[in-house]
Amino acid sequence: MATDAVLIVTSVGSADDADLIANAMVFERLAACVQIFPVTSVYRWGGKVERAGELMVHIKTTTARVPAVEKRLIALHGYDLPEFIVLPIIAGSAAYLDWLEEGTRPD
């Protein structure tokens, strides 16, 4: 089953930032669902290898909403260079994908 659904991945440094982004995305119908879970990130920044506890944020939305999600995420995000990765959802249950699409449909 082909789908128009995508999963947008970002990470944030605090629960407050994660909640702000999640609530805005769902309230503004940019996402049907946002999941938040803890991760440990190891990355290179400023010429040094860093290690930090972060929160991974998965934003479930549609392809049509990607530009608006990106714009809103950048406005809300606390990082200088926010992660913004879009992954296609290539299949899923019809009922769930219908729910996802309806949840992102503007009022």
PDB file of N, CA and C in Angstrom:
ATOM      1  N   MET A   1       0.839  -1.176   0.000  1.00  0.00           N
ATOM      2  CA  MET A   1       0.000   0.000   0.000  1.00  0.00           C
ATOM      3  C   MET A   1       0.884   1.240   0.000  1.00  0.00           C
ATOM      4  N   ALA A   2       0.776   2.075  -1.003  1.00  0.00           N
ATOM      5  CA  ALA A   2       1.523   3.328  -1.047  1.00  0.00           C
ATOM      6  C   ALA A   2       0.923   4.292  -0.032  1.00  0.00           C
ATOM      7  N   THR A   3       1.762   5.166   0.482  1.00  0.00           N
ATOM      8  CA  THR A   3       1.301   6.114   1.491  1.00  0.00           C
ATOM      9  C   THR A   3       1.966   7.464   1.281  1.00  0.00           C
ATOM     10  N   ASP A   4       1.311   8.504   1.771  1.00  0.00           N
ATOM     11  CA  ASP A   4       1.835   9.857   1.735  1.00  0.00           C
ATOM     12  C   ASP A   4       2.423  10.232   3.092  1.00  0.00           C
ATOM     13  N   ALA A   5       2.485   9.277   4.013  1.00  0.00           N
ATOM     14  CA  ALA A   5       2.945   9.548   5.372  1.00  0.00           C
ATOM     15  C   ALA A   5       4.461   9.565   5.447  1.00  0.00           C
ATOM     16  N   VAL A   6       4.975  10.415   6.346  1.00  0.00           N
ATOM     17  CA  VAL A   6       6.408  10.491   6.600  1.00  0.00           C
ATOM     18  C   VAL A   6       6.649  10.582   8.098  1.00  0.00           C
ATOM     19  N   LEU A   7       7.862  10.241   8.488  1.00  0.00           N
ATOM     20  CA  LEU A   7       8.317  10.378   9.861  1.00  0.00           C
ATOM     21  C   LEU A   7       9.456  11.384   9.849  1.00  0.00           C
ATOM     22  N   ILE A   8       9.304  12.451  10.595  1.00  0.00           N
ATOM     23  CA  ILE A   8      10.354  13.457  10.716  1.00  0.00           C
ATOM     24  C   ILE A   8      11.065  13.220  12.044  1.00  0.00           C
ATOM     25  N   VAL A   9      12.380  13.200  11.987  1.00  0.00           N
ATOM     26  CA  VAL A   9      13.199  12.934  13.161  1.00  0.00           C
ATOM     27  C   VAL A   9      13.982  14.186  13.531  1.00  0.00           C
ATOM     28  N   THR A  10      13.952  14.516  14.822  1.00  0.00           N
ATOM     29  CA  THR A  10      14.800  15.573  15.358  1.00  0.00           C
ATOM     30  C   THR A  10      15.180  15.180  16.780  1.00  0.00           C
ATOM     31  N   SER A  11      16.106  15.906  17.357  1.00  0.00           N
ATOM     32  CA  SER A  11      16.468  15.677  18.759  1.00  0.00           C
ATOM     33  C   SER A  11      16.573  17.035  19.440  1.00  0.00           C
ATOM     34  N   VAL A  12      16.301  17.030  20.749  1.00  0.00           N
ATOM     35  CA  VAL A  12      16.341  18.260  21.540  1.00  0.00           C
ATOM     36  C   VAL A  12      17.080  17.988  22.844  1.00  0.00           C
ATOM     37  N   GLY A  13      17.449  19.057  23.525  1.00  0.00           N
ATOM     38  CA  GLY A  13      18.240  18.922  24.725  1.00  0.00           C
ATOM     39  C   GLY A  13      17.468  18.893  26.029  1.00  0.00           C
ATOM     40  N   SER A  14      16.151  19.165  25.981  1.00  0.00           N
ATOM     41  CA  SER A  14      15.401  19.194  27.238  1.00  0.00           C
ATOM     42  C   SER A  14      13.968  18.719  27.029  1.00  0.00           C
ATOM     43  N   ALA A  15      13.366  18.264  28.120  1.00  0.00           N
ATOM     44  CA  ALA A  15      11.963  17.845  28.081  1.00  0.00           C
ATOM     45  C   ALA A  15      11.056  19.019  27.753  1.00  0.00           C
ATOM     46  N   ASP A  16      11.403  20.203  28.234  1.00  0.00           N
ATOM     47  CA  ASP A  16      10.589  21.389  27.927  1.00  0.00           C
ATOM     48  C   ASP A  16      10.570  21.665  26.426  1.00  0.00           C
ATOM     49  N   ASP A  17      11.740  21.565  25.784  1.00  0.00           N
ATOM     50  CA  ASP A  17      11.806  21.770  24.330  1.00  0.00           C
ATOM     51  C   ASP A  17      11.008  20.702  23.586  1.00  0.00           C
ATOM     52  N   ALA A  18      11.136  19.461  24.027  1.00  0.00           N
ATOM     53  CA  ALA A  18      10.395  18.368  23.384  1.00  0.00           C
ATOM     54  C   ALA A  18       8.899  18.579  23.519  1.00  0.00           C
ATOM     55  N   ASP A  19       8.448  18.953  24.705  1.00  0.00           N
ATOM     56  CA  ASP A  19       7.018  19.186  24.926  1.00  0.00           C
ATOM     57  C   ASP A  19       6.508  20.366  24.105  1.00  0.00           C
ATOM     58  N   LEU A  20       7.297  21.432  24.033  1.00  0.00           N
ATOM     59  CA  LEU A  20       6.909  22.602  23.247  1.00  0.00           C
ATOM     60  C   LEU A  20       6.703  22.224  21.787  1.00  0.00           C
ATOM     61  N   ILE A  21       7.650  21.499  21.231  1.00  0.00           N
ATOM     62  CA  ILE A  21       7.567  21.086  19.831  1.00  0.00           C
ATOM     63  C   ILE A  21       6.408  20.124  19.625  1.00  0.00           C
ATOM     64  N   ALA A  22       6.285  19.116  20.474  1.00  0.00           N
ATOM     65  CA  ALA A  22       5.215  18.120  20.325  1.00  0.00           C
ATOM     66  C   ALA A  22       3.840  18.768  20.399  1.00  0.00           C
ATOM     67  N   ASN A  23       3.635  19.594  21.409  1.00  0.00           N
ATOM     68  CA  ASN A  23       2.323  20.231  21.565  1.00  0.00           C
ATOM     69  C   ASN A  23       1.989  21.154  20.402  1.00  0.00           C
ATOM     70  N   ALA A  24       2.962  21.934  19.938  1.00  0.00           N
ATOM     71  CA  ALA A  24       2.718  22.829  18.803  1.00  0.00           C
ATOM     72  C   ALA A  24       2.374  22.037  17.548  1.00  0.00           C
ATOM     73  N   MET A  25       3.126  20.978  17.273  1.00  0.00           N
ATOM     74  CA  MET A  25       2.896  20.195  16.059  1.00  0.00           C
ATOM     75  C   MET A  25       1.498  19.578  16.037  1.00  0.00           C
ATOM     76  N   VAL A  26       1.078  19.006  17.151  1.00  0.00           N
ATOM     77  CA  VAL A  26      -0.233  18.354  17.186  1.00  0.00           C
ATOM     78  C   VAL A  26      -1.345  19.395  17.245  1.00  0.00           C
ATOM     79  N   PHE A  27      -1.214  20.410  18.096  1.00  0.00           N
ATOM     80  CA  PHE A  27      -2.242  21.441  18.219  1.00  0.00           C
ATOM     81  C   PHE A  27      -2.476  22.160  16.894  1.00  0.00           C
ATOM     82  N   GLU A  28      -1.389  22.440  16.165  1.00  0.00           N
ATOM     83  CA  GLU A  28      -1.481  23.164  14.893  1.00  0.00           C
ATOM     84  C   GLU A  28      -1.765  22.240  13.712  1.00  0.00           C
ATOM     85  N   ARG A  29      -2.010  20.968  14.000  1.00  0.00           N
ATOM     86  CA  ARG A  29      -2.328  19.953  12.999  1.00  0.00           C
ATOM     87  C   ARG A  29      -1.216  19.768  11.967  1.00  0.00           C
ATOM     88  N   LEU A  30       0.005  20.050  12.362  1.00  0.00           N
ATOM     89  CA  LEU A  30       1.146  19.785  11.506  1.00  0.00           C
ATOM     90  C   LEU A  30       1.556  18.321  11.612  1.00  0.00           C
ATOM     91  N   ALA A  31       1.171  17.682  12.710  1.00  0.00           N
ATOM     92  CA  ALA A  31       1.461  16.264  12.940  1.00  0.00           C
ATOM     93  C   ALA A  31       0.251  15.615  13.591  1.00  0.00           C
ATOM     94  N   ALA A  32       0.067  14.345  13.292  1.00  0.00           N
ATOM     95  CA  ALA A  32      -0.994  13.583  13.939  1.00  0.00           C
ATOM     96  C   ALA A  32      -0.528  13.065  15.287  1.00  0.00           C
ATOM     97  N   CYS A  33       0.773  12.821  15.409  1.00  0.00           N
ATOM     98  CA  CYS A  33       1.337  12.236  16.624  1.00  0.00           C
ATOM     99  C   CYS A  33       2.806  12.617  16.704  1.00  0.00           C
ATOM    100  N   VAL A  34       3.256  12.846  17.931  1.00  0.00           N
ATOM    101  CA  VAL A  34       4.680  13.088  18.174  1.00  0.00           C
ATOM    102  C   VAL A  34       5.096  12.190  19.328  1.00  0.00           C
ATOM    103  N   GLN A  35       6.170  11.463  19.133  1.00  0.00           N
ATOM    104  CA  GLN A  35       6.710  10.595  20.179  1.00  0.00           C
ATOM    105  C   GLN A  35       8.037  11.162  20.666  1.00  0.00           C
ATOM    106  N   ILE A  36       8.265  11.030  21.982  1.00  0.00           N
ATOM    107  CA  ILE A  36       9.456  11.566  22.620  1.00  0.00           C
ATOM    108  C   ILE A  36      10.094  10.447  23.441  1.00  0.00           C
ATOM    109  N   PHE A  37      11.399  10.230  23.254  1.00  0.00           N
ATOM    110  CA  PHE A  37      12.071   9.223  24.064  1.00  0.00           C
ATOM    111  C   PHE A  37      13.538   9.577  24.245  1.00  0.00           C
ATOM    112  N   PRO A  38      14.137   9.160  25.375  1.00  0.00           N
ATOM    113  CA  PRO A  38      15.515   9.532  25.675  1.00  0.00           C
ATOM    114  C   PRO A  38      16.523   8.750  24.838  1.00  0.00           C
ATOM    115  N   VAL A  39      17.606   9.441  24.499  1.00  0.00           N
ATOM    116  CA  VAL A  39      18.714   8.825  23.769  1.00  0.00           C
ATOM    117  C   VAL A  39      20.030   9.414  24.281  1.00  0.00           C
ATOM    118  N   THR A  40      21.106   8.739  23.963  1.00  0.00           N
ATOM    119  CA  THR A  40      22.443   9.288  24.168  1.00  0.00           C
ATOM    120  C   THR A  40      23.037   9.517  22.793  1.00  0.00           C
ATOM    121  N   SER A  41      23.485  10.731  22.550  1.00  0.00           N
ATOM    122  CA  SER A  41      24.058  11.079  21.248  1.00  0.00           C
ATOM    123  C   SER A  41      25.561  11.290  21.383  1.00  0.00           C
ATOM    124  N   VAL A  42      26.307  10.761  20.423  1.00  0.00           N
ATOM    125  CA  VAL A  42      27.742  10.997  20.307  1.00  0.00           C
ATOM    126  C   VAL A  42      27.945  11.638  18.947  1.00  0.00           C
ATOM    127  N   TYR A  43      28.566  12.807  18.936  1.00  0.00           N
ATOM    128  CA  TYR A  43      28.655  13.576  17.693  1.00  0.00           C
ATOM    129  C   TYR A  43      29.866  14.497  17.735  1.00  0.00           C
ATOM    130  N   ARG A  44      30.250  14.984  16.572  1.00  0.00           N
ATOM    131  CA  ARG A  44      31.352  15.935  16.476  1.00  0.00           C
ATOM    132  C   ARG A  44      30.755  17.334  16.346  1.00  0.00           C
ATOM    133  N   TRP A  45      31.219  18.253  17.210  1.00  0.00           N
ATOM    134  CA  TRP A  45      30.736  19.633  17.161  1.00  0.00           C
ATOM    135  C   TRP A  45      31.873  20.548  17.591  1.00  0.00           C
ATOM    136  N   GLY A  46      32.131  21.563  16.800  1.00  0.00           N
ATOM    137  CA  GLY A  46      33.198  22.498  17.132  1.00  0.00           C
ATOM    138  C   GLY A  46      34.570  21.850  17.211  1.00  0.00           C
ATOM    139  N   GLY A  47      34.778  20.812  16.399  1.00  0.00           N
ATOM    140  CA  GLY A  47      36.068  20.148  16.353  1.00  0.00           C
ATOM    141  C   GLY A  47      36.301  19.139  17.464  1.00  0.00           C
ATOM    142  N   LYS A  48      35.308  18.927  18.327  1.00  0.00           N
ATOM    143  CA  LYS A  48      35.450  17.964  19.424  1.00  0.00           C
ATOM    144  C   LYS A  48      34.350  16.914  19.342  1.00  0.00           C
ATOM    145  N   VAL A  49      34.675  15.735  19.859  1.00  0.00           N
ATOM    146  CA  VAL A  49      33.660  14.687  19.972  1.00  0.00           C
ATOM    147  C   VAL A  49      32.905  14.935  21.277  1.00  0.00           C
ATOM    148  N   GLU A  50      31.589  15.039  21.165  1.00  0.00           N
ATOM    149  CA  GLU A  50      30.721  15.321  22.304  1.00  0.00           C
ATOM    150  C   GLU A  50      29.840  14.117  22.595  1.00  0.00           C
ATOM    151  N   ARG A  51      29.367  14.052  23.814  1.00  0.00           N
ATOM    152  CA  ARG A  51      28.417  13.016  24.229  1.00  0.00           C
ATOM    153  C   ARG A  51      27.381  13.734  25.087  1.00  0.00           C
ATOM    154  N   ALA A  52      26.089  13.520  24.748  1.00  0.00           N
ATOM    155  CA  ALA A  52      25.047  14.228  25.487  1.00  0.00           C
ATOM    156  C   ALA A  52      23.772  13.400  25.563  1.00  0.00           C
ATOM    157  N   GLY A  53      23.069  13.551  26.661  1.00  0.00           N
ATOM    158  CA  GLY A  53      21.732  13.006  26.762  1.00  0.00           C
ATOM    159  C   GLY A  53      20.782  13.950  26.046  1.00  0.00           C
ATOM    160  N   GLU A  54      19.959  13.397  25.203  1.00  0.00           N
ATOM    161  CA  GLU A  54      18.992  14.195  24.454  1.00  0.00           C
ATOM    162  C   GLU A  54      17.656  13.465  24.462  1.00  0.00           C
ATOM    163  N   LEU A  55      16.676  14.112  23.880  1.00  0.00           N
ATOM    164  CA  LEU A  55      15.388  13.485  23.643  1.00  0.00           C
ATOM    165  C   LEU A  55      15.166  13.415  22.141  1.00  0.00           C
ATOM    166  N   MET A  56      14.880  12.224  21.648  1.00  0.00           N
ATOM    167  CA  MET A  56      14.575  12.017  20.237  1.00  0.00           C
ATOM    168  C   MET A  56      13.086  12.309  20.057  1.00  0.00           C
ATOM    169  N   VAL A  57      12.773  13.052  19.028  1.00  0.00           N
ATOM    170  CA  VAL A  57      11.397  13.426  18.738  1.00  0.00           C
ATOM    171  C   VAL A  57      11.036  12.898  17.352  1.00  0.00           C
ATOM    172  N   HIS A  58      10.003  12.065  17.304  1.00  0.00           N
ATOM    173  CA  HIS A  58       9.489  11.544  16.039  1.00  0.00           C
ATOM    174  C   HIS A  58       8.168  12.232  15.746  1.00  0.00           C
ATOM    175  N   ILE A  59       8.098  12.878  14.614  1.00  0.00           N
ATOM    176  CA  ILE A  59       6.919  13.641  14.206  1.00  0.00           C
ATOM    177  C   ILE A  59       6.271  12.897  13.045  1.00  0.00           C
ATOM    178  N   LYS A  60       5.037  12.423  13.243  1.00  0.00           N
ATOM    179  CA  LYS A  60       4.331  11.666  12.202  1.00  0.00           C
ATOM    180  C   LYS A  60       3.388  12.619  11.468  1.00  0.00           C
ATOM    181  N   THR A  61       3.621  12.740  10.163  1.00  0.00           N
ATOM    182  CA  THR A  61       2.875  13.706   9.371  1.00  0.00           C
ATOM    183  C   THR A  61       2.767  13.226   7.930  1.00  0.00           C
ATOM    184  N   THR A  62       2.391  14.123   7.033  1.00  0.00           N
ATOM    185  CA  THR A  62       2.279  13.801   5.613  1.00  0.00           C
ATOM    186  C   THR A  62       3.294  14.617   4.817  1.00  0.00           C
ATOM    187  N   THR A  63       3.572  14.145   3.625  1.00  0.00           N
ATOM    188  CA  THR A  63       4.516  14.837   2.749  1.00  0.00           C
ATOM    189  C   THR A  63       4.110  16.291   2.526  1.00  0.00           C
ATOM    190  N   ALA A  64       2.836  16.529   2.363  1.00  0.00           N
ATOM    191  CA  ALA A  64       2.354  17.896   2.112  1.00  0.00           C
ATOM    192  C   ALA A  64       2.659  18.839   3.267  1.00  0.00           C
ATOM    193  N   ARG A  65       2.766  18.317   4.480  1.00  0.00           N
ATOM    194  CA  ARG A  65       2.986  19.159   5.664  1.00  0.00           C
ATOM    195  C   ARG A  65       4.469  19.372   5.976  1.00  0.00           C
ATOM    196  N   VAL A  66       5.373  18.698   5.263  1.00  0.00           N
ATOM    197  CA  VAL A  66       6.808  18.773   5.572  1.00  0.00           C
ATOM    198  C   VAL A  66       7.334  20.215   5.570  1.00  0.00           C
ATOM    199  N   PRO A  67       7.070  21.032   4.553  1.00  0.00           N
ATOM    200  CA  PRO A  67       7.612  22.403   4.593  1.00  0.00           C
ATOM    201  C   PRO A  67       7.134  23.198   5.807  1.00  0.00           C
ATOM    202  N   ALA A  68       5.866  23.070   6.171  1.00  0.00           N
ATOM    203  CA  ALA A  68       5.340  23.797   7.332  1.00  0.00           C
ATOM    204  C   ALA A  68       5.932  23.265   8.631  1.00  0.00           C
ATOM    205  N   VAL A  69       6.121  21.952   8.722  1.00  0.00           N
ATOM    206  CA  VAL A  69       6.744  21.363   9.912  1.00  0.00           C
ATOM    207  C   VAL A  69       8.179  21.872  10.043  1.00  0.00           C
ATOM    208  N   GLU A  70       8.920  21.872   8.951  1.00  0.00           N
ATOM    209  CA  GLU A  70      10.302  22.345   9.004  1.00  0.00           C
ATOM    210  C   GLU A  70      10.373  23.796   9.463  1.00  0.00           C
ATOM    211  N   LYS A  71       9.535  24.640   8.908  1.00  0.00           N
ATOM    212  CA  LYS A  71       9.540  26.059   9.272  1.00  0.00           C
ATOM    213  C   LYS A  71       9.211  26.235  10.759  1.00  0.00           C
ATOM    214  N   ARG A  72       8.201  25.529  11.232  1.00  0.00           N
ATOM    215  CA  ARG A  72       7.779  25.654  12.630  1.00  0.00           C
ATOM    216  C   ARG A  72       8.832  25.060  13.565  1.00  0.00           C
ATOM    217  N   LEU A  73       9.402  23.932  13.191  1.00  0.00           N
ATOM    218  CA  LEU A  73      10.423  23.292  14.013  1.00  0.00           C
ATOM    219  C   LEU A  73      11.630  24.211  14.193  1.00  0.00           C
ATOM    220  N   ILE A  74      12.079  24.815  13.133  1.00  0.00           N
ATOM    221  CA  ILE A  74      13.232  25.718  13.207  1.00  0.00           C
ATOM    222  C   ILE A  74      12.910  26.913  14.104  1.00  0.00           C
ATOM    223  N   ALA A  75      11.669  27.410  14.036  1.00  0.00           N
ATOM    224  CA  ALA A  75      11.276  28.536  14.875  1.00  0.00           C
ATOM    225  C   ALA A  75      11.247  28.169  16.358  1.00  0.00           C
ATOM    226  N   LEU A  76      10.883  26.929  16.671  1.00  0.00           N
ATOM    227  CA  LEU A  76      10.744  26.500  18.065  1.00  0.00           C
ATOM    228  C   LEU A  76      12.008  25.895  18.659  1.00  0.00           C
ATOM    229  N   HIS A  77      12.893  25.404  17.821  1.00  0.00           N
ATOM    230  CA  HIS A  77      14.034  24.603  18.268  1.00  0.00           C
ATOM    231  C   HIS A  77      15.099  25.460  18.942  1.00  0.00           C
ATOM    232  N   GLY A  78      15.722  24.905  19.972  1.00  0.00           N
ATOM    233  CA  GLY A  78      16.756  25.625  20.707  1.00  0.00           C
ATOM    234  C   GLY A  78      18.164  25.446  20.176  1.00  0.00           C
ATOM    235  N   TYR A  79      18.377  24.553  19.229  1.00  0.00           N
ATOM    236  CA  TYR A  79      19.725  24.300  18.707  1.00  0.00           C
ATOM    237  C   TYR A  79      20.064  25.255  17.564  1.00  0.00           C
ATOM    238  N   ASP A  80      21.364  25.542  17.419  1.00  0.00           N
ATOM    239  CA  ASP A  80      21.825  26.345  16.279  1.00  0.00           C
ATOM    240  C   ASP A  80      21.597  25.617  14.966  1.00  0.00           C
ATOM    241  N   LEU A  81      21.748  24.300  14.987  1.00  0.00           N
ATOM    242  CA  LEU A  81      21.597  23.471  13.789  1.00  0.00           C
ATOM    243  C   LEU A  81      20.698  22.288  14.128  1.00  0.00           C
ATOM    244  N   PRO A  82      19.375  22.485  14.086  1.00  0.00           N
ATOM    245  CA  PRO A  82      18.476  21.386  14.442  1.00  0.00           C
ATOM    246  C   PRO A  82      18.525  20.243  13.425  1.00  0.00           C
ATOM    247  N   GLU A  83      18.482  19.046  13.957  1.00  0.00           N
ATOM    248  CA  GLU A  83      18.330  17.869  13.102  1.00  0.00           C
ATOM    249  C   GLU A  83      16.944  17.942  12.459  1.00  0.00           C
ATOM    250  N   PHE A  84      16.883  17.694  11.163  1.00  0.00           N
ATOM    251  CA  PHE A  84      15.607  17.635  10.445  1.00  0.00           C
ATOM    252  C   PHE A  84      15.762  16.589   9.351  1.00  0.00           C
ATOM    253  N   ILE A  85      15.290  15.386   9.641  1.00  0.00           N
ATOM    254  CA  ILE A  85      15.406  14.269   8.704  1.00  0.00           C
ATOM    255  C   ILE A  85      14.007  13.761   8.409  1.00  0.00           C
ATOM    256  N   VAL A  86      13.698  13.584   7.136  1.00  0.00           N
ATOM    257  CA  VAL A  86      12.386  13.103   6.718  1.00  0.00           C
ATOM    258  C   VAL A  86      12.530  11.698   6.151  1.00  0.00           C
ATOM    259  N   LEU A  87      11.807  10.758   6.751  1.00  0.00           N
ATOM    260  CA  LEU A  87      11.836   9.361   6.322  1.00  0.00           C
ATOM    261  C   LEU A  87      10.465   8.959   5.786  1.00  0.00           C
ATOM    262  N   PRO A  88      10.413   8.338   4.620  1.00  0.00           N
ATOM    263  CA  PRO A  88       9.112   7.908   4.107  1.00  0.00           C
ATOM    264  C   PRO A  88       8.566   6.734   4.908  1.00  0.00           C
ATOM    265  N   ILE A  89       7.274   6.723   5.102  1.00  0.00           N
ATOM    266  CA  ILE A  89       6.588   5.553   5.650  1.00  0.00           C
ATOM    267  C   ILE A  89       6.036   4.826   4.429  1.00  0.00           C
ATOM    268  N   ILE A  90       6.621   3.714   4.089  1.00  0.00           N
ATOM    269  CA  ILE A  90       6.278   3.072   2.817  1.00  0.00           C
ATOM    270  C   ILE A  90       5.041   2.196   2.901  1.00  0.00           C
ATOM    271  N   ALA A  91       4.656   1.804   4.108  1.00  0.00           N
ATOM    272  CA  ALA A  91       3.453   0.986   4.256  1.00  0.00           C
ATOM    273  C   ALA A  91       2.989   1.056   5.698  1.00  0.00           C
ATOM    274  N   GLY A  92       1.736   0.695   5.901  1.00  0.00           N
ATOM    275  CA  GLY A  92       1.153   0.662   7.237  1.00  0.00           C
ATOM    276  C   GLY A  92      -0.296   0.254   7.132  1.00  0.00           C
ATOM    277  N   SER A  93      -0.932   0.069   8.276  1.00  0.00           N
ATOM    278  CA  SER A  93      -2.344  -0.302   8.229  1.00  0.00           C
ATOM    279  C   SER A  93      -3.155   0.856   7.659  1.00  0.00           C
ATOM    280  N   ALA A  94      -4.127   0.533   6.849  1.00  0.00           N
ATOM    281  CA  ALA A  94      -4.955   1.556   6.201  1.00  0.00           C
ATOM    282  C   ALA A  94      -5.639   2.440   7.234  1.00  0.00           C
ATOM    283  N   ALA A  95      -6.150   1.841   8.293  1.00  0.00           N
ATOM    284  CA  ALA A  95      -6.857   2.617   9.320  1.00  0.00           C
ATOM    285  C   ALA A  95      -5.918   3.614   9.995  1.00  0.00           C
ATOM    286  N   TYR A  96      -4.695   3.174  10.321  1.00  0.00           N
ATOM    287  CA  TYR A  96      -3.742   4.066  10.973  1.00  0.00           C
ATOM    288  C   TYR A  96      -3.330   5.196  10.036  1.00  0.00           C
ATOM    289  N   LEU A  97      -3.042   4.874   8.798  1.00  0.00           N
ATOM    290  CA  LEU A  97      -2.616   5.898   7.843  1.00  0.00           C
ATOM    291  C   LEU A  97      -3.737   6.885   7.557  1.00  0.00           C
ATOM    292  N   ASP A  98      -4.983   6.418   7.528  1.00  0.00           N
ATOM    293  CA  ASP A  98      -6.124   7.333   7.388  1.00  0.00           C
ATOM    294  C   ASP A  98      -6.195   8.276   8.580  1.00  0.00           C
ATOM    295  N   TRP A  99      -6.001   7.725   9.787  1.00  0.00           N
ATOM    296  CA  TRP A  99      -6.015   8.546  11.004  1.00  0.00           C
ATOM    297  C   TRP A  99      -4.911   9.593  10.957  1.00  0.00           C
ATOM    298  N   LEU A 100      -3.723   9.189  10.518  1.00  0.00           N
ATOM    299  CA  LEU A 100      -2.592  10.112  10.424  1.00  0.00           C
ATOM    300  C   LEU A 100      -2.915  11.250   9.457  1.00  0.00           C
ATOM    301  N   GLU A 101      -3.465  10.896   8.303  1.00  0.00           N
ATOM    302  CA  GLU A 101      -3.798  11.932   7.334  1.00  0.00           C
ATOM    303  C   GLU A 101      -4.866  12.882   7.854  1.00  0.00           C
ATOM    304  N   GLU A 102      -5.882  12.313   8.508  1.00  0.00           N
ATOM    305  CA  GLU A 102      -6.937  13.173   9.043  1.00  0.00           C
ATOM    306  C   GLU A 102      -6.420  14.098  10.145  1.00  0.00           C
ATOM    307  N   GLY A 103      -5.490  13.607  10.937  1.00  0.00           N
ATOM    308  CA  GLY A 103      -4.936  14.398  12.025  1.00  0.00           C
ATOM    309  C   GLY A 103      -4.078  15.556  11.565  1.00  0.00           C
ATOM    310  N   THR A 104      -3.666  15.555  10.315  1.00  0.00           N
ATOM    311  CA  THR A 104      -2.837  16.640   9.778  1.00  0.00           C
ATOM    312  C   THR A 104      -3.617  17.535   8.809  1.00  0.00           C
ATOM    313  N   ARG A 105      -4.870  17.220   8.619  1.00  0.00           N
ATOM    314  CA  ARG A 105      -5.696  18.014   7.708  1.00  0.00           C
ATOM    315  C   ARG A 105      -6.067  19.329   8.403  1.00  0.00           C
ATOM    316  N   PRO A 106      -5.804  20.461   7.756  1.00  0.00           N
ATOM    317  CA  PRO A 106      -6.170  21.744   8.378  1.00  0.00           C
ATOM    318  C   PRO A 106      -7.674  21.802   8.663  1.00  0.00           C
ATOM    319  N   ASP A 107      -8.023  22.485   9.756  1.00  0.00           N
ATOM    320  CA  ASP A 107      -9.445  22.646  10.108  1.00  0.00           C
ATOM    321  C   ASP A 107     -10.205  23.376   9.026  1.00  0.00           C
TER     322      ASP A 107
END
